Amino acid sequence: MIIEVTSSPSKENLKTISEGIQTYNQDYIPDEVVFEEDTKFAVFAKDDNGIVQGGIRATAFWNYCIIELLWLSPESRGSGIGSKLMAAAENYACEKGFKYIRTETLSFQARPFYEKLGYKVYGELPDCPKGHTTYCLVKEL
C-alpha cells in the first residue's frame, strides 16, 4: 500500500472517495440522504458601485449548513451588514430544508457576534492556532 499526499487530487480519485463513503453510508442512512448533492452558495454585500464589501461562503448537505467563511470590510463592520448576511444565509438554508447551521470562529474574531444571533458553542480547540482558541458553534434553524 502506498500512502500519497497531494494538494492537487484528481477529480477521479475524489469521486472514488465520495462514492466509497456513500456505499458505506447506505447501510445506515436512507438513499435520498446518502446521494444528496452538496449545496454550495454565497451571500454578498456590495456597495453602490458593485464592489463586494462583505460576504459568506457556505456549503450544505444532509440536514445542516456550514458557514465556511464570513468576511466584512473594515468600513462595513459594526453597521449591521454581518447580521443581514447571516439572516440571508439562514433563510436560504431554511428554504432548502436544512435544520441546522454551524460555523467556526477564532477567539479574536466573532464569537459574541454569533452568540448574539443565537449560536451556541459546542466545541473548543484551545491553542489552535497557537495562542488562540477555535470555537465551534451551531444553531437550530
Protein backbone atom coordinates (compact mmCIF):
# COMPACT_ATOMS: atom_id res chain seq x y z
CA MET A 1 0.00 0.00 0.00
CA ILE A 2 1.36 3.42 -0.96
CA ILE A 3 0.24 6.49 1.00
CA GLU A 4 0.17 9.66 -1.09
CA VAL A 5 -0.44 13.25 0.00
CA THR A 6 -1.31 15.73 -2.75
CA SER A 7 -2.53 19.29 -2.96
CA SER A 8 -3.92 18.64 -6.43
CA PRO A 9 -6.04 15.48 -6.26
CA SER A 10 -7.63 14.25 -9.47
CA LYS A 11 -11.38 14.52 -9.88
CA GLU A 12 -11.46 10.76 -10.46
CA ASN A 13 -9.76 10.00 -7.12
CA LEU A 14 -12.03 12.43 -5.26
CA LYS A 15 -15.05 10.76 -6.88
CA THR A 16 -13.80 7.34 -5.72
CA ILE A 17 -13.66 8.57 -2.11
CA SER A 18 -17.15 10.13 -2.33
CA GLU A 19 -18.68 7.02 -3.86
CA GLY A 20 -16.92 4.81 -1.32
CA ILE A 21 -18.35 6.64 1.68
CA GLN A 22 -21.78 6.76 0.02
CA THR A 23 -21.73 2.98 -0.38
CA TYR A 24 -20.76 2.54 3.26
CA ASN A 25 -23.39 5.03 4.48
CA GLN A 26 -26.20 3.27 2.60
CA ASP A 27 -26.38 0.70 5.40
CA TYR A 28 -27.22 3.44 7.90
CA ILE A 29 -28.85 6.37 6.09
CA PRO A 30 -31.70 6.45 3.54
CA ASP A 31 -30.59 6.66 -0.12
CA GLU A 32 -32.15 10.11 -0.64
CA VAL A 33 -29.82 11.44 2.06
CA VAL A 34 -26.75 9.40 1.05
CA PHE A 35 -26.87 10.59 -2.56
CA GLU A 36 -27.92 14.16 -1.86
CA GLU A 37 -25.82 16.72 -3.74
CA ASP A 38 -23.85 19.27 -1.73
CA THR A 39 -25.40 22.74 -1.91
CA LYS A 40 -22.76 25.42 -2.27
CA PHE A 41 -23.78 29.05 -2.05
CA ALA A 42 -22.56 32.53 -1.27
CA VAL A 43 -24.13 35.72 0.04
CA PHE A 44 -22.63 39.10 -0.86
CA ALA A 45 -22.91 42.66 0.42
CA LYS A 46 -21.98 45.09 -2.37
CA ASP A 47 -21.71 48.85 -2.32
CA ASP A 48 -23.46 51.11 -4.83
CA ASN A 49 -20.59 50.54 -7.28
CA GLY A 50 -20.97 46.76 -7.10
CA ILE A 51 -17.80 46.30 -5.04
CA VAL A 52 -18.01 43.43 -2.55
CA GLN A 53 -17.82 44.79 0.99
CA GLY A 54 -18.57 41.51 2.71
CA GLY A 55 -19.79 38.02 2.15
CA ILE A 56 -20.36 34.46 3.20
CA ARG A 57 -19.16 31.24 1.59
CA ALA A 58 -21.21 28.21 2.62
CA THR A 59 -21.93 24.61 1.85
CA ALA A 60 -24.77 22.38 2.98
CA PHE A 61 -25.64 18.71 2.92
CA TRP A 62 -27.77 16.23 4.81
CA ASN A 63 -29.66 18.36 7.32
CA TYR A 64 -27.17 21.12 8.06
CA CYS A 65 -25.41 24.08 6.55
CA ILE A 66 -21.81 25.11 7.20
CA ILE A 67 -20.74 28.74 7.11
CA GLU A 68 -17.18 28.30 5.85
CA LEU A 69 -16.20 31.96 5.74
CA LEU A 70 -17.73 35.28 6.77
CA TRP A 71 -15.81 38.43 5.91
CA LEU A 72 -16.65 42.11 6.23
CA SER A 73 -14.55 45.03 5.01
CA PRO A 74 -13.28 47.21 7.87
CA GLU A 75 -15.69 50.01 6.91
CA SER A 76 -18.67 47.59 6.98
CA ARG A 77 -18.04 46.20 10.45
CA GLY A 78 -20.44 47.30 13.17
CA SER A 79 -23.02 48.52 10.64
CA GLY A 80 -25.42 45.55 10.78
CA ILE A 81 -24.25 44.16 7.43
CA GLY A 82 -22.94 40.96 9.06
CA SER A 83 -26.32 40.27 10.67
CA LYS A 84 -28.04 40.85 7.32
CA LEU A 85 -25.66 38.48 5.57
CA MET A 86 -26.25 35.81 8.22
CA ALA A 87 -30.03 36.27 8.02
CA ALA A 88 -29.89 35.81 4.24
CA ALA A 89 -27.76 32.66 4.58
CA GLU A 90 -30.05 31.23 7.27
CA ASN A 91 -33.16 32.00 5.20
CA TYR A 92 -31.65 30.31 2.16
CA ALA A 93 -30.73 27.26 4.26
CA CYS A 94 -34.27 27.09 5.65
CA GLU A 95 -35.78 27.35 2.16
CA LYS A 96 -33.61 24.41 1.10
CA GLY A 97 -34.86 22.37 4.08
CA PHE A 98 -31.76 22.41 6.27
CA LYS A 99 -32.39 22.22 10.02
CA TYR A 100 -29.06 23.29 11.50
CA ILE A 101 -26.29 25.72 10.66
CA ARG A 102 -22.78 25.67 12.07
CA THR A 103 -19.57 27.62 11.83
CA GLU A 104 -16.21 28.16 13.48
CA THR A 105 -14.62 31.35 14.73
CA LEU A 106 -11.38 32.22 16.46
CA SER A 107 -11.04 33.84 19.88
CA PHE A 108 -10.06 37.17 18.29
CA GLN A 109 -12.87 37.07 15.73
CA ALA A 110 -16.66 36.91 16.10
CA ARG A 111 -17.82 34.60 18.89
CA PRO A 112 -20.02 37.29 20.57
CA PHE A 113 -21.50 38.17 17.16
CA TYR A 114 -22.59 34.58 16.53
CA GLU A 115 -23.87 34.11 20.08
CA LYS A 116 -25.98 37.28 19.71
CA LEU A 117 -27.55 35.59 16.66
CA GLY A 118 -28.45 32.50 18.68
CA TYR A 119 -25.46 30.26 18.01
CA LYS A 120 -24.24 28.00 20.82
CA VAL A 121 -20.67 26.83 21.35
CA TYR A 122 -20.46 23.04 21.13
CA GLY A 123 -16.71 22.65 20.98
CA GLU A 124 -13.41 24.39 21.58
CA LEU A 125 -9.91 23.78 20.25
CA PRO A 126 -7.52 25.55 22.64
CA ASP A 127 -4.21 26.85 21.30
CA CYS A 128 -5.40 26.34 17.72
CA PRO A 129 -3.96 28.33 16.08
CA LYS A 130 -1.12 28.84 18.56
CA GLY A 131 -2.11 31.37 21.21
CA HIS A 132 -5.81 31.37 20.27
CA THR A 133 -8.92 29.20 20.59
CA THR A 134 -11.15 27.96 17.78
CA TYR A 135 -14.84 27.87 18.77
CA CYS A 136 -17.32 25.58 17.01
CA LEU A 137 -20.87 26.97 17.03
CA VAL A 138 -24.27 25.64 15.96
CA LYS A 139 -27.80 26.97 15.65
CA GLU A 140 -31.06 25.15 15.06
CA LEU A 141 -32.97 26.83 12.24
